[in-house]
Protein backbone atom coordinates (compact mmCIF):
# COMPACT_ATOMS: atom_id res chain seq x y z
CA MET A 1 -0.23 -0.30 0.20
CA ARG A 2 1.56 3.39 -0.78
CA ARG A 3 1.92 6.07 1.72
CA LEU A 4 -1.12 8.85 1.93
CA SER A 5 -0.45 12.44 1.46
CA ALA A 6 -1.51 15.00 4.29
CA ALA A 7 -4.92 15.66 2.07
CA GLU A 8 -5.59 11.92 1.65
CA LEU A 9 -4.65 11.34 5.38
CA ASP A 10 -6.83 14.35 6.29
CA ALA A 11 -9.80 12.70 4.00
CA GLU A 12 -9.60 9.29 5.60
CA ARG A 13 -9.80 10.50 9.08
CA ARG A 14 -12.70 12.52 8.23
CA LEU A 15 -14.33 9.34 6.40
CA VAL A 16 -13.42 7.37 9.61
CA GLU A 17 -15.24 10.11 11.62
CA ALA A 18 -18.37 10.18 9.59
CA ALA A 19 -18.29 6.20 9.83
CA GLN A 20 -18.58 6.19 13.47
CA ALA A 21 -21.41 8.63 13.51
CA ASP A 22 -23.68 7.04 10.03
CA PRO A 23 -23.76 3.23 9.32
CA ALA A 24 -24.13 4.18 5.68
CA ARG A 25 -20.33 5.56 5.86
CA PHE A 26 -19.16 2.68 7.52
CA GLY A 27 -20.14 0.33 4.19
CA GLU A 28 -17.70 3.04 1.81
CA LEU A 29 -15.08 2.73 4.38
CA TYR A 30 -15.28 -1.15 4.42
CA GLU A 31 -15.42 -1.62 0.76
CA ARG A 32 -12.43 0.82 0.61
CA TYR A 33 -10.31 -1.41 2.58
CA VAL A 34 -11.84 -5.09 2.60
CA ASP A 35 -9.55 -6.18 -0.15
CA ALA A 36 -6.80 -5.20 1.30
CA ILE A 37 -7.56 -6.50 4.83
CA TYR A 38 -8.38 -9.82 3.06
CA SER A 39 -5.07 -10.10 0.96
CA PHE A 40 -2.93 -9.25 4.03
CA SER A 41 -4.59 -11.91 6.38
CA TYR A 42 -4.52 -14.07 3.61
CA HIS A 43 -0.50 -13.64 3.19
CA GLN A 44 -0.58 -14.05 6.99
CA THR A 45 -2.31 -17.15 7.07
CA GLY A 46 -2.05 -18.75 3.86
CA SER A 47 -5.44 -20.04 4.60
CA HIS A 48 -8.77 -18.60 2.69
CA GLN A 49 -11.06 -19.68 5.38
CA GLN A 50 -8.65 -18.07 8.15
CA ALA A 51 -8.21 -15.10 6.16
CA GLU A 52 -12.08 -14.64 5.94
CA GLU A 53 -12.65 -14.82 9.49
CA VAL A 54 -9.90 -12.43 10.13
CA THR A 55 -11.56 -9.80 7.38
CA ALA A 56 -14.65 -10.58 9.08
CA GLU A 57 -13.64 -9.71 12.90
CA THR A 58 -11.85 -6.51 11.57
């Protein structure tokens, strides 16, 4: 994953804050990161089932 600029970090922070207050915005946050979380989890565990469980718990 590439490093984010200051403006991108600020936008991410605002999205997280919005997601904490509005479940619909949480879906946006989830969709943005679900693939990266799954990929990381799979590479760490080597198991699709465990990666799915870790992703769901995250």
